[in-house]
N, C-alpha and C. Protein backbone atom coordinates (compact mmCIF):
# COMPACT_ATOMS: atom_id res chain seq x y z
N MET A 1 132.76 149.34 140.19
CA MET A 1 131.91 150.50 140.08
C MET A 1 130.78 150.26 139.07
N ARG A 2 131.13 149.61 137.97
CA ARG A 2 130.09 149.34 136.96
C ARG A 2 129.00 148.44 137.50
N LEU A 3 129.38 147.55 138.40
CA LEU A 3 128.39 146.67 139.01
C LEU A 3 127.38 147.48 139.80
N LEU A 4 127.83 148.44 140.57
CA LEU A 4 126.92 149.29 141.34
C LEU A 4 126.03 150.11 140.43
N VAL A 5 126.60 150.66 139.37
CA VAL A 5 125.81 151.45 138.43
C VAL A 5 124.73 150.58 137.80
N ALA A 6 125.09 149.37 137.40
CA ALA A 6 124.11 148.46 136.79
C ALA A 6 123.00 148.12 137.78
N ALA A 7 123.35 147.94 139.04
CA ALA A 7 122.35 147.61 140.06
C ALA A 7 121.40 148.78 140.30
N PHE A 8 121.94 149.99 140.33
CA PHE A 8 121.09 151.16 140.58
C PHE A 8 120.20 151.49 139.40
N GLU A 9 120.56 151.04 138.21
CA GLU A 9 119.74 151.30 137.03
C GLU A 9 118.53 150.38 136.95
N GLU A 10 118.50 149.34 137.76
CA GLU A 10 117.37 148.41 137.77
C GLU A 10 116.12 149.13 138.27
N PRO A 11 115.02 149.03 137.52
CA PRO A 11 113.78 149.66 137.98
C PRO A 11 113.19 148.91 139.18
N GLY A 12 112.69 149.65 140.13
CA GLY A 12 112.10 149.01 141.31
C GLY A 12 113.16 148.39 142.19
N ARG A 13 112.76 147.38 142.92
CA ARG A 13 113.71 146.70 143.81
C ARG A 13 114.49 145.65 143.04
N LEU A 14 115.74 145.51 143.37
CA LEU A 14 116.60 144.51 142.74
C LEU A 14 116.36 143.17 143.43
N LYS A 15 115.89 142.19 142.68
CA LYS A 15 115.63 140.86 143.24
C LYS A 15 116.94 140.11 143.43
N MET A 16 116.95 139.15 144.35
CA MET A 16 118.16 138.39 144.66
C MET A 16 118.69 137.66 143.42
N ARG A 17 117.80 137.04 142.65
CA ARG A 17 118.22 136.30 141.46
C ARG A 17 118.91 137.23 140.45
N ARG A 18 118.34 138.42 140.27
CA ARG A 18 118.93 139.39 139.34
C ARG A 18 120.26 139.92 139.86
N ALA A 19 120.36 140.13 141.17
CA ALA A 19 121.60 140.60 141.77
C ALA A 19 122.71 139.57 141.58
N ILE A 20 122.38 138.30 141.77
CA ILE A 20 123.37 137.23 141.59
C ILE A 20 123.79 137.15 140.12
N ALA A 21 122.84 137.31 139.22
CA ALA A 21 123.16 137.28 137.79
C ALA A 21 124.09 138.43 137.41
N LEU A 22 123.85 139.61 137.97
CA LEU A 22 124.73 140.76 137.70
C LEU A 22 126.15 140.51 138.20
N VAL A 23 126.27 139.97 139.40
CA VAL A 23 127.59 139.69 139.97
C VAL A 23 128.30 138.62 139.13
N ASP A 24 127.59 137.56 138.76
CA ASP A 24 128.18 136.50 137.93
C ASP A 24 128.66 137.05 136.59
N TYR A 25 127.85 137.91 135.98
CA TYR A 25 128.22 138.52 134.70
C TYR A 25 129.52 139.31 134.84
N HIS A 26 129.62 140.13 135.86
CA HIS A 26 130.81 140.96 136.03
C HIS A 26 132.04 140.14 136.40
N ILE A 27 131.86 139.07 137.15
CA ILE A 27 132.99 138.19 137.46
C ILE A 27 133.52 137.55 136.19
N ARG A 28 132.62 137.02 135.35
CA ARG A 28 133.05 136.40 134.08
C ARG A 28 133.71 137.43 133.18
N ARG A 29 133.13 138.62 133.12
CA ARG A 29 133.67 139.69 132.28
C ARG A 29 135.08 140.06 132.70
N ASN A 30 135.30 140.17 134.01
CA ASN A 30 136.63 140.50 134.52
C ASN A 30 137.62 139.38 134.26
N GLN A 31 137.20 138.13 134.35
CA GLN A 31 138.10 137.01 134.06
C GLN A 31 138.54 137.03 132.60
N ILE A 32 137.61 137.29 131.71
CA ILE A 32 137.93 137.36 130.28
C ILE A 32 138.88 138.52 130.00
N ALA A 33 138.60 139.67 130.59
CA ALA A 33 139.46 140.85 130.38
C ALA A 33 140.86 140.61 130.94
N ARG A 34 140.96 139.99 132.10
CA ARG A 34 142.26 139.72 132.71
C ARG A 34 143.07 138.76 131.83
N ALA A 35 142.42 137.71 131.33
CA ALA A 35 143.11 136.74 130.47
C ALA A 35 143.58 137.40 129.18
N SER A 36 142.75 138.25 128.61
CA SER A 36 143.12 138.95 127.38
C SER A 36 144.31 139.88 127.62
N HIS A 37 144.27 140.61 128.72
CA HIS A 37 145.37 141.52 129.05
C HIS A 37 146.67 140.74 129.25
N GLU A 38 146.59 139.63 129.96
CA GLU A 38 147.79 138.82 130.22
C GLU A 38 148.36 138.27 128.92
N LYS A 39 147.50 137.80 128.04
CA LYS A 39 147.95 137.26 126.75
C LYS A 39 148.65 138.34 125.93
N THR A 40 148.06 139.52 125.85
CA THR A 40 148.65 140.63 125.11
C THR A 40 149.97 141.05 125.72
N TRP A 41 150.02 141.15 127.04
CA TRP A 41 151.23 141.57 127.72
C TRP A 41 152.36 140.58 127.46
N ARG A 42 152.05 139.29 127.56
CA ARG A 42 153.09 138.25 127.34
C ARG A 42 153.61 138.29 125.91
N GLU A 43 152.75 138.55 124.94
CA GLU A 43 153.19 138.64 123.55
C GLU A 43 154.13 139.82 123.34
N LYS A 44 153.85 140.94 123.99
CA LYS A 44 154.68 142.13 123.85
C LYS A 44 155.98 142.04 124.63
N HIS A 45 156.03 141.18 125.64
CA HIS A 45 157.20 141.10 126.52
C HIS A 45 157.81 139.70 126.48
N ARG A 46 158.00 139.17 125.30
CA ARG A 46 158.61 137.84 125.17
C ARG A 46 160.04 137.89 125.69
N GLY A 47 160.44 136.85 126.35
CA GLY A 47 161.80 136.78 126.86
C GLY A 47 161.97 137.38 128.24
N VAL A 48 160.93 137.97 128.79
CA VAL A 48 161.02 138.55 130.12
C VAL A 48 160.91 137.42 131.14
N LYS A 49 161.85 137.40 132.06
CA LYS A 49 161.82 136.39 133.11
C LYS A 49 161.07 136.95 134.31
N PHE A 50 160.24 136.12 134.91
CA PHE A 50 159.42 136.55 136.03
C PHE A 50 160.12 136.20 137.33
N LEU A 51 160.07 137.11 138.26
CA LEU A 51 160.65 136.89 139.58
C LEU A 51 159.51 136.92 140.59
N LEU A 52 159.27 135.78 141.22
CA LEU A 52 158.22 135.71 142.23
C LEU A 52 158.71 136.35 143.51
N LEU A 53 157.94 137.23 144.05
CA LEU A 53 158.32 137.92 145.29
C LEU A 53 157.67 137.29 146.49
């Protein structure tokens, strides 16, 4: 959703290069957030065994 909001806030027409940069930024941001969440979760849940479904 934030990606769409960022795109709509662009003045004028959104150029392809800028659109790609926005998508790349949000992909990297989500990867960092996911890794941070996983690290925090694992620290809080030490000793939990994972069951692959």
